[in-house]
C-alpha cells in the first residue's frame, strides 16, 4: 500500500470477508489511511471508518447517501453505482 493512500474501498467477497472486516481494518488504521469503506454486497451495506476522527464506524444501507469524509462535496450512493440503467 502506498504511504499516500488516504481512502480505501474494499468490496467483500466470500473469500475475503474475514480479511476485510478484521485484518485490513487494523492494517489500514496503523498505516495512516484516513478513511476505509467496506462494501458488503451480501449484507447490502457499507461500513465506513474515519480513522482520522477516531470515531466508531458508521453503517450505511446501500440506498443511503454517504458523504466522503476526505471530499465533503462528494456524495456516493452505492445503489446508484449498481444500477444497470446508468451504465
C-alpha atoms as a PDB file:
ATOM      1  CA  UNK A   1       0.000   0.000   0.000  1.00  0.00           C
ATOM      2  CA  UNK A   2       1.317   3.420  -0.916  1.00  0.00           C
ATOM      3  CA  UNK A   3       2.037   5.686   2.067  1.00  0.00           C
ATOM      4  CA  UNK A   4      -0.029   8.461   0.470  1.00  0.00           C
ATOM      5  CA  UNK A   5      -3.208   6.345   0.473  1.00  0.00           C
ATOM      6  CA  UNK A   6      -5.946   8.274   2.192  1.00  0.00           C
ATOM      7  CA  UNK A   7      -9.104   6.432   1.156  1.00  0.00           C
ATOM      8  CA  UNK A   8      -9.560   2.704   0.651  1.00  0.00           C
ATOM      9  CA  UNK A   9     -12.713   0.978  -0.515  1.00  0.00           C
ATOM     10  CA  UNK A  10     -12.975  -2.799  -0.471  1.00  0.00           C
ATOM     11  CA  UNK A  11     -15.763  -4.964  -1.871  1.00  0.00           C
ATOM     12  CA  UNK A  12     -16.321  -8.027   0.296  1.00  0.00           C
ATOM     13  CA  UNK A  13     -16.355 -11.423  -1.397  1.00  0.00           C
ATOM     14  CA  UNK A  14     -16.989 -14.758   0.334  1.00  0.00           C
ATOM     15  CA  UNK A  15     -13.255 -15.453   0.454  1.00  0.00           C
ATOM     16  CA  UNK A  16     -12.267 -12.014   1.761  1.00  0.00           C
ATOM     17  CA  UNK A  17     -14.852 -11.450   4.498  1.00  0.00           C
ATOM     18  CA  UNK A  18     -12.504 -12.157   7.438  1.00  0.00           C
ATOM     19  CA  UNK A  19      -9.664 -10.180   5.878  1.00  0.00           C
ATOM     20  CA  UNK A  20     -11.787  -7.110   5.063  1.00  0.00           C
ATOM     21  CA  UNK A  21     -13.582  -6.920   8.393  1.00  0.00           C
ATOM     22  CA  UNK A  22     -10.669  -7.644  10.715  1.00  0.00           C
ATOM     23  CA  UNK A  23      -7.180  -7.787   9.199  1.00  0.00           C
ATOM     24  CA  UNK A  24      -7.415  -4.823   6.831  1.00  0.00           C
ATOM     25  CA  UNK A  25      -9.254  -2.672   9.353  1.00  0.00           C
ATOM     26  CA  UNK A  26      -6.267  -2.818  11.712  1.00  0.00           C
ATOM     27  CA  UNK A  27      -3.706  -2.702   8.898  1.00  0.00           C
ATOM     28  CA  UNK A  28      -5.153   0.420   7.287  1.00  0.00           C
ATOM     29  CA  UNK A  29      -5.571   2.209  10.606  1.00  0.00           C
ATOM     30  CA  UNK A  30      -1.943   1.544  11.512  1.00  0.00           C
ATOM     31  CA  UNK A  31      -0.756   2.581   8.035  1.00  0.00           C
ATOM     32  CA  UNK A  32      -2.306   6.041   8.269  1.00  0.00           C
ATOM     33  CA  UNK A  33      -5.270   5.543   5.940  1.00  0.00           C
ATOM     34  CA  UNK A  34      -7.791   8.262   6.769  1.00  0.00           C
ATOM     35  CA  UNK A  35     -10.977   6.560   5.588  1.00  0.00           C
ATOM     36  CA  UNK A  36     -11.819   2.907   4.913  1.00  0.00           C
ATOM     37  CA  UNK A  37     -15.033   1.627   3.341  1.00  0.00           C
ATOM     38  CA  UNK A  38     -16.125  -2.000   3.495  1.00  0.00           C
ATOM     39  CA  UNK A  39     -18.748  -2.515   0.801  1.00  0.00           C
ATOM     40  CA  UNK A  40     -20.648  -5.725   1.530  1.00  0.00           C
ATOM     41  CA  UNK A  41     -22.985  -6.868  -1.292  1.00  0.00           C
ATOM     42  CA  UNK A  42     -24.258  -9.860   0.695  1.00  0.00           C
ATOM     43  CA  UNK A  43     -25.461  -7.635   3.552  1.00  0.00           C
ATOM     44  CA  UNK A  44     -26.237  -4.685   1.242  1.00  0.00           C
ATOM     45  CA  UNK A  45     -24.401  -2.247   3.463  1.00  0.00           C
ATOM     46  CA  UNK A  46     -21.263  -0.147   3.593  1.00  0.00           C
ATOM     47  CA  UNK A  47     -19.258   0.291   6.758  1.00  0.00           C
ATOM     48  CA  UNK A  48     -17.191   3.471   6.890  1.00  0.00           C
ATOM     49  CA  UNK A  49     -14.288   4.044   9.249  1.00  0.00           C
ATOM     50  CA  UNK A  50     -12.974   7.615   9.683  1.00  0.00           C
ATOM     51  CA  UNK A  51      -9.685   6.864  11.408  1.00  0.00           C
ATOM     52  CA  UNK A  52      -8.600  10.487  11.489  1.00  0.00           C
ATOM     53  CA  UNK A  53     -11.602  11.408  13.635  1.00  0.00           C
ATOM     54  CA  UNK A  54     -11.058   8.321  15.811  1.00  0.00           C
ATOM     55  CA  UNK A  55     -14.780   7.626  15.680  1.00  0.00           C
ATOM     56  CA  UNK A  56     -16.677   4.395  15.793  1.00  0.00           C
ATOM     57  CA  UNK A  57     -17.599   3.107  12.329  1.00  0.00           C
ATOM     58  CA  UNK A  58     -20.817   4.147  10.618  1.00  0.00           C
ATOM     59  CA  UNK A  59     -23.037   1.627   8.810  1.00  0.00           C
ATOM     60  CA  UNK A  60     -24.969   2.721   5.718  1.00  0.00           C
ATOM     61  CA  UNK A  61     -27.500   0.669   3.757  1.00  0.00           C
ATOM     62  CA  UNK A  62     -26.780   0.704   0.027  1.00  0.00           C
ATOM     63  CA  UNK A  63     -29.710   3.092  -0.531  1.00  0.00           C
ATOM     64  CA  UNK A  64     -28.312   5.799   1.785  1.00  0.00           C
ATOM     65  CA  UNK A  65     -26.054   8.606   0.582  1.00  0.00           C
ATOM     66  CA  UNK A  66     -22.528   8.531   2.007  1.00  0.00           C
ATOM     67  CA  UNK A  67     -20.562  11.762   2.326  1.00  0.00           C
ATOM     68  CA  UNK A  68     -16.908  11.087   1.586  1.00  0.00           C
ATOM     69  CA  UNK A  69     -15.047  12.479   4.591  1.00  0.00           C
ATOM     70  CA  UNK A  70     -11.968  13.485   2.619  1.00  0.00           C
ATOM     71  CA  UNK A  71     -14.065  15.254  -0.021  1.00  0.00           C
ATOM     72  CA  UNK A  72     -17.170  16.620   1.746  1.00  0.00           C
ATOM     73  CA  UNK A  73     -18.752  17.796  -1.512  1.00  0.00           C
ATOM     74  CA  UNK A  74     -18.658  14.218  -2.874  1.00  0.00           C
ATOM     75  CA  UNK A  75     -21.667  12.030  -2.051  1.00  0.00           C
ATOM     76  CA  UNK A  76     -21.907   8.397  -3.145  1.00  0.00           C
ATOM     77  CA  UNK A  77     -24.932   6.129  -3.040  1.00  0.00           C
ATOM     78  CA  UNK A  78     -23.966   2.502  -3.682  1.00  0.00           C
ATOM     79  CA  UNK A  79     -27.321   1.699  -5.318  1.00  0.00           C
ATOM     80  CA  UNK A  80     -26.526   4.339  -7.957  1.00  0.00           C
ATOM     81  CA  UNK A  81     -23.266   2.572  -8.741  1.00  0.00           C
ATOM     82  CA  UNK A  82     -25.052  -0.771  -9.031  1.00  0.00           C
ATOM     83  CA  UNK A  83     -27.972   0.499 -11.115  1.00  0.00           C
ATOM     84  CA  UNK A  84     -27.516  -1.055 -14.575  1.00  0.00           C
ATOM     85  CA  UNK A  85     -29.581   1.669 -16.221  1.00  0.00           C
ATOM     86  CA  UNK A  86     -26.768   4.152 -15.527  1.00  0.00           C
ATOM     87  CA  UNK A  87     -24.164   2.065 -17.367  1.00  0.00           C
END
